[in-house]
Amino acid sequence: MPARTENPFVEDLSRAGVDILKVLRALKDSAIQVHAHMARMAMEEMDLVTRDEFESTRDMALEALRENEKLARRIAALEARLGLTATTKPAKSAPRKQKPKRASSIRHKSRSKKP
């Protein structure tokens, strides 16, 4: 409570100041609520995943990675049994020669028909 004085003007000014602070506090609380509501609405529209969905997908990805590593080891063992190495590749065929373009297939600007 504000300090008491004998001057009614100062007392009224003090009460007005306290009232202004109460109004400002209420405005602040209202602004926080509106902002929180808008943030929740925006997040709902973003189609975000839940933590459970994320962890489940992460676990599946880790399992798939382990399976890939296991299969890579099996392939390496089979290649070793067959005498293949990682650098051994099938022979490449010679590159094809491209046919030269025919002169008749090239349109000249002077011969093009105008509409």
C-alpha atoms as a PDB file:
ATOM      1  CA  MET A   1       0.000   0.000   0.000  1.00  0.00           C
ATOM      2  CA  PRO A   2       1.336   3.434  -0.840  1.00  0.00           C
ATOM      3  CA  ALA A   3       2.603   5.666   1.933  1.00  0.00           C
ATOM      4  CA  ARG A   4       0.022   8.042   3.410  1.00  0.00           C
ATOM      5  CA  THR A   5       0.476  11.740   2.933  1.00  0.00           C
ATOM      6  CA  GLU A   6      -1.686  14.682   3.842  1.00  0.00           C
ATOM      7  CA  ASN A   7      -1.838  15.880   0.253  1.00  0.00           C
ATOM      8  CA  PRO A   8      -4.892  14.359  -1.532  1.00  0.00           C
ATOM      9  CA  PHE A   9      -3.349  15.010  -4.970  1.00  0.00           C
ATOM     10  CA  VAL A  10      -0.302  12.883  -4.143  1.00  0.00           C
ATOM     11  CA  GLU A  11      -2.547  10.126  -2.717  1.00  0.00           C
ATOM     12  CA  ASP A  12      -4.686  10.120  -5.883  1.00  0.00           C
ATOM     13  CA  LEU A  13      -1.576  10.060  -8.051  1.00  0.00           C
ATOM     14  CA  SER A  14      -0.207   7.161  -6.009  1.00  0.00           C
ATOM     15  CA  ARG A  15      -3.455   5.180  -6.363  1.00  0.00           C
ATOM     16  CA  ALA A  16      -3.504   5.878 -10.104  1.00  0.00           C
ATOM     17  CA  GLY A  17       0.068   4.590 -10.363  1.00  0.00           C
ATOM     18  CA  VAL A  18      -0.874   1.380  -8.530  1.00  0.00           C
ATOM     19  CA  ASP A  19      -3.918   0.949 -10.772  1.00  0.00           C
ATOM     20  CA  ILE A  20      -1.800   1.486 -13.879  1.00  0.00           C
ATOM     21  CA  LEU A  21       0.642  -1.195 -12.686  1.00  0.00           C
ATOM     22  CA  LYS A  22      -2.262  -3.623 -12.149  1.00  0.00           C
ATOM     23  CA  VAL A  23      -3.564  -2.935 -15.653  1.00  0.00           C
ATOM     24  CA  LEU A  24      -0.088  -3.379 -17.155  1.00  0.00           C
ATOM     25  CA  ARG A  25       0.361  -6.674 -15.289  1.00  0.00           C
ATOM     26  CA  ALA A  26      -3.029  -7.881 -16.604  1.00  0.00           C
ATOM     27  CA  LEU A  27      -2.056  -6.829 -20.155  1.00  0.00           C
ATOM     28  CA  LYS A  28       1.230  -8.710 -19.823  1.00  0.00           C
ATOM     29  CA  ASP A  29      -0.545 -11.857 -18.617  1.00  0.00           C
ATOM     30  CA  SER A  30      -3.065 -11.582 -21.437  1.00  0.00           C
ATOM     31  CA  ALA A  31      -0.306 -11.101 -24.041  1.00  0.00           C
ATOM     32  CA  ILE A  32       1.502 -14.195 -22.735  1.00  0.00           C
ATOM     33  CA  GLN A  33      -1.681 -16.261 -22.956  1.00  0.00           C
ATOM     34  CA  VAL A  34      -2.409 -15.059 -26.509  1.00  0.00           C
ATOM     35  CA  HIS A  35       1.165 -15.763 -27.589  1.00  0.00           C
ATOM     36  CA  ALA A  36       1.086 -19.258 -26.054  1.00  0.00           C
ATOM     37  CA  HIS A  37      -2.233 -19.990 -27.769  1.00  0.00           C
ATOM     38  CA  MET A  38      -0.902 -18.803 -31.143  1.00  0.00           C
ATOM     39  CA  ALA A  39       2.241 -20.913 -30.710  1.00  0.00           C
ATOM     40  CA  ARG A  40       0.145 -24.008 -29.914  1.00  0.00           C
ATOM     41  CA  MET A  41      -2.042 -23.394 -32.969  1.00  0.00           C
ATOM     42  CA  ALA A  42       1.007 -22.951 -35.218  1.00  0.00           C
ATOM     43  CA  MET A  43       2.575 -26.155 -33.908  1.00  0.00           C
ATOM     44  CA  GLU A  44      -0.650 -28.085 -34.501  1.00  0.00           C
ATOM     45  CA  GLU A  45      -0.636 -26.954 -38.128  1.00  0.00           C
ATOM     46  CA  MET A  46       3.001 -28.042 -38.609  1.00  0.00           C
ATOM     47  CA  ASP A  47       2.180 -31.756 -38.453  1.00  0.00           C
ATOM     48  CA  LEU A  48       5.042 -32.506 -36.046  1.00  0.00           C
ATOM     49  CA  VAL A  49       5.764 -36.026 -34.846  1.00  0.00           C
ATOM     50  CA  THR A  50       5.461 -37.089 -31.237  1.00  0.00           C
ATOM     51  CA  ARG A  51       8.464 -38.231 -29.242  1.00  0.00           C
ATOM     52  CA  ASP A  52       7.161 -41.837 -29.331  1.00  0.00           C
ATOM     53  CA  GLU A  53       6.886 -41.739 -33.134  1.00  0.00           C
ATOM     54  CA  PHE A  54      10.375 -40.242 -33.414  1.00  0.00           C
ATOM     55  CA  GLU A  55      11.959 -42.807 -31.110  1.00  0.00           C
ATOM     56  CA  SER A  56      10.182 -45.667 -32.870  1.00  0.00           C
ATOM     57  CA  THR A  57      11.409 -44.492 -36.276  1.00  0.00           C
ATOM     58  CA  ARG A  58      14.926 -43.961 -34.912  1.00  0.00           C
ATOM     59  CA  ASP A  59      14.939 -47.514 -33.519  1.00  0.00           C
ATOM     60  CA  MET A  60      13.816 -48.897 -36.891  1.00  0.00           C
ATOM     61  CA  ALA A  61      16.550 -46.924 -38.678  1.00  0.00           C
ATOM     62  CA  LEU A  62      19.206 -48.195 -36.258  1.00  0.00           C
ATOM     63  CA  GLU A  63      17.983 -51.765 -36.745  1.00  0.00           C
ATOM     64  CA  ALA A  64      18.125 -51.330 -40.537  1.00  0.00           C
ATOM     65  CA  LEU A  65      21.670 -49.952 -40.226  1.00  0.00           C
ATOM     66  CA  ARG A  66      22.745 -52.972 -38.165  1.00  0.00           C
ATOM     67  CA  GLU A  67      21.129 -55.281 -40.735  1.00  0.00           C
ATOM     68  CA  ASN A  68      22.962 -53.490 -43.578  1.00  0.00           C
ATOM     69  CA  GLU A  69      26.278 -53.886 -41.765  1.00  0.00           C
ATOM     70  CA  LYS A  70      25.575 -57.582 -41.198  1.00  0.00           C
ATOM     71  CA  LEU A  71      24.722 -58.066 -44.878  1.00  0.00           C
ATOM     72  CA  ALA A  72      27.865 -56.178 -45.932  1.00  0.00           C
ATOM     73  CA  ARG A  73      29.952 -58.578 -43.838  1.00  0.00           C
ATOM     74  CA  ARG A  74      28.173 -61.566 -45.437  1.00  0.00           C
ATOM     75  CA  ILE A  75      28.773 -60.182 -48.934  1.00  0.00           C
ATOM     76  CA  ALA A  76      32.451 -59.601 -48.129  1.00  0.00           C
ATOM     77  CA  ALA A  77      32.754 -63.210 -46.872  1.00  0.00           C
ATOM     78  CA  LEU A  78      31.067 -64.567 -50.010  1.00  0.00           C
ATOM     79  CA  GLU A  79      33.301 -62.460 -52.249  1.00  0.00           C
ATOM     80  CA  ALA A  80      36.326 -63.739 -50.362  1.00  0.00           C
ATOM     81  CA  ARG A  81      35.170 -67.333 -50.917  1.00  0.00           C
ATOM     82  CA  LEU A  82      34.733 -66.626 -54.636  1.00  0.00           C
ATOM     83  CA  GLY A  83      38.096 -64.858 -54.898  1.00  0.00           C
ATOM     84  CA  LEU A  84      36.617 -61.476 -55.728  1.00  0.00           C
ATOM     85  CA  THR A  85      37.873 -58.250 -54.235  1.00  0.00           C
ATOM     86  CA  ALA A  86      36.192 -54.923 -53.752  1.00  0.00           C
ATOM     87  CA  THR A  87      38.340 -53.434 -56.538  1.00  0.00           C
ATOM     88  CA  THR A  88      37.430 -56.169 -59.032  1.00  0.00           C
ATOM     89  CA  LYS A  89      34.780 -54.865 -61.360  1.00  0.00           C
ATOM     90  CA  PRO A  90      33.252 -56.272 -64.505  1.00  0.00           C
ATOM     91  CA  ALA A  91      35.058 -55.241 -67.682  1.00  0.00           C
ATOM     92  CA  LYS A  92      33.622 -52.151 -69.294  1.00  0.00           C
ATOM     93  CA  SER A  93      32.711 -52.195 -72.932  1.00  0.00           C
ATOM     94  CA  ALA A  94      34.313 -49.699 -75.277  1.00  0.00           C
ATOM     95  CA  PRO A  95      32.491 -46.376 -75.470  1.00  0.00           C
ATOM     96  CA  ARG A  96      30.127 -46.011 -78.382  1.00  0.00           C
ATOM     97  CA  LYS A  97      30.911 -43.643 -81.155  1.00  0.00           C
ATOM     98  CA  GLN A  98      28.234 -41.090 -81.833  1.00  0.00           C
ATOM     99  CA  LYS A  99      26.957 -40.770 -85.340  1.00  0.00           C
ATOM    100  CA  PRO A 100      27.570 -37.392 -86.932  1.00  0.00           C
ATOM    101  CA  LYS A 101      24.463 -35.322 -87.516  1.00  0.00           C
ATOM    102  CA  ARG A 102      23.160 -35.111 -91.017  1.00  0.00           C
ATOM    103  CA  ALA A 103      23.252 -31.776 -92.712  1.00  0.00           C
ATOM    104  CA  SER A 104      19.630 -32.160 -93.815  1.00  0.00           C
ATOM    105  CA  SER A 105      18.434 -32.437 -90.219  1.00  0.00           C
ATOM    106  CA  ILE A 106      19.785 -28.985 -89.376  1.00  0.00           C
ATOM    107  CA  ARG A 107      17.312 -26.199 -90.109  1.00  0.00           C
ATOM    108  CA  HIS A 108      18.619 -23.007 -91.442  1.00  0.00           C
ATOM    109  CA  LYS A 109      17.063 -19.742 -90.368  1.00  0.00           C
ATOM    110  CA  SER A 110      16.703 -18.542 -93.908  1.00  0.00           C
ATOM    111  CA  ARG A 111      14.678 -21.627 -94.891  1.00  0.00           C
ATOM    112  CA  SER A 112      12.254 -21.558 -92.002  1.00  0.00           C
ATOM    113  CA  LYS A 113       8.702 -20.699 -92.921  1.00  0.00           C
ATOM    114  CA  LYS A 114       7.169 -17.577 -91.489  1.00  0.00           C
ATOM    115  CA  PRO A 115       3.527 -17.738 -90.391  1.00  0.00           C
END
